Protein backbone atom coordinates (compact mmCIF):
# COMPACT_ATOMS: atom_id res chain seq x y z
CA UNK A 1 163.28 -30.62 73.70
CA UNK A 2 162.38 -34.14 73.54
CA UNK A 3 165.61 -34.95 71.47
CA UNK A 4 167.37 -33.28 73.52
CA UNK A 5 166.55 -35.15 76.86
CA UNK A 6 167.21 -38.47 74.20
CA UNK A 7 170.61 -37.33 73.42
CA UNK A 8 171.62 -36.53 77.17
CA UNK A 9 169.88 -39.99 77.86
CA UNK A 10 172.24 -41.85 74.97
CA UNK A 11 175.31 -40.14 75.67
CA UNK A 12 174.60 -41.17 79.60
CA UNK A 13 174.80 -44.68 78.16
CA UNK A 14 171.28 -45.34 80.02
CA UNK A 15 168.18 -46.94 79.35
CA UNK A 16 164.93 -45.19 79.69
CA UNK A 17 164.23 -47.32 82.46
CA UNK A 18 167.70 -46.46 83.99
CA UNK A 19 166.47 -42.84 83.75
CA UNK A 20 162.86 -43.48 85.22
CA UNK A 21 164.00 -45.04 88.46
CA UNK A 22 166.58 -41.72 89.21
CA UNK A 23 163.50 -39.60 88.27
CA UNK A 24 161.14 -42.11 90.24
CA UNK A 25 158.96 -42.34 87.47
CA UNK A 26 157.72 -45.17 85.47
CA UNK A 27 159.70 -46.13 82.16
CA UNK A 28 156.56 -45.92 80.29
CA UNK A 29 155.95 -42.23 81.35
CA UNK A 30 159.77 -41.27 80.81
CA UNK A 31 159.43 -43.08 76.98
CA UNK A 32 155.85 -40.38 76.88
CA UNK A 33 158.49 -37.36 77.33
CA UNK A 34 160.80 -38.10 75.18
CA UNK A 35 158.32 -38.76 72.22
CA UNK A 36 156.85 -35.59 73.32
CA UNK A 37 153.45 -37.43 73.98
CA UNK A 38 153.87 -35.83 78.06
CA UNK A 39 154.85 -32.39 79.14
CA UNK A 40 157.24 -32.32 81.34
CA UNK A 41 156.71 -31.32 84.74
CA UNK A 42 159.00 -28.61 86.35
CA UNK A 43 160.23 -31.18 89.05
CA UNK A 44 161.06 -33.60 85.92
CA UNK A 45 162.66 -31.22 84.34
CA UNK A 46 165.14 -30.07 87.10
CA UNK A 47 165.58 -33.57 88.20
CA UNK A 48 166.57 -34.32 84.53
CA UNK A 49 168.83 -31.16 84.14
CA UNK A 50 170.51 -31.70 87.72
CA UNK A 51 171.57 -35.68 86.85
CA UNK A 52 172.66 -34.57 83.59
CA UNK A 53 174.80 -31.23 84.79
CA UNK A 54 173.07 -28.68 82.31
CA UNK A 55 170.57 -25.88 82.36
CA UNK A 56 166.87 -26.43 81.90
CA UNK A 57 167.69 -23.75 79.34
CA UNK A 58 169.44 -26.04 77.34
CA UNK A 59 166.59 -29.05 77.53
CA UNK A 60 163.96 -26.77 76.95
CA UNK A 61 166.36 -25.46 73.85
CA UNK A 62 166.44 -21.72 75.26
CA UNK A 63 170.04 -21.95 74.71
CA UNK A 64 172.75 -24.38 73.04
CA UNK A 65 175.16 -23.88 76.24
CA UNK A 66 174.83 -26.69 78.32
CA UNK A 67 176.36 -24.85 81.70
CA UNK A 68 175.25 -21.29 82.21
CA UNK A 69 178.01 -18.37 81.65
CA UNK A 70 180.39 -18.23 84.57
CA UNK A 71 182.20 -14.81 85.80
């Protein structure tokens, strides 16, 4: 999961500080999420998924599909 959030951030060409500001946390805390030193709280996980336009399952590595299958 930690590689995924880093990859999503890098794909968006954003710094940790920029993402942290959007998520209303410090750059240090966000860095700890990316390194896996802190578990990502549900509200942050949801915020990351919404911001990057992916599912929480994608971030959690439960799926390789970024978007849910739409019928």
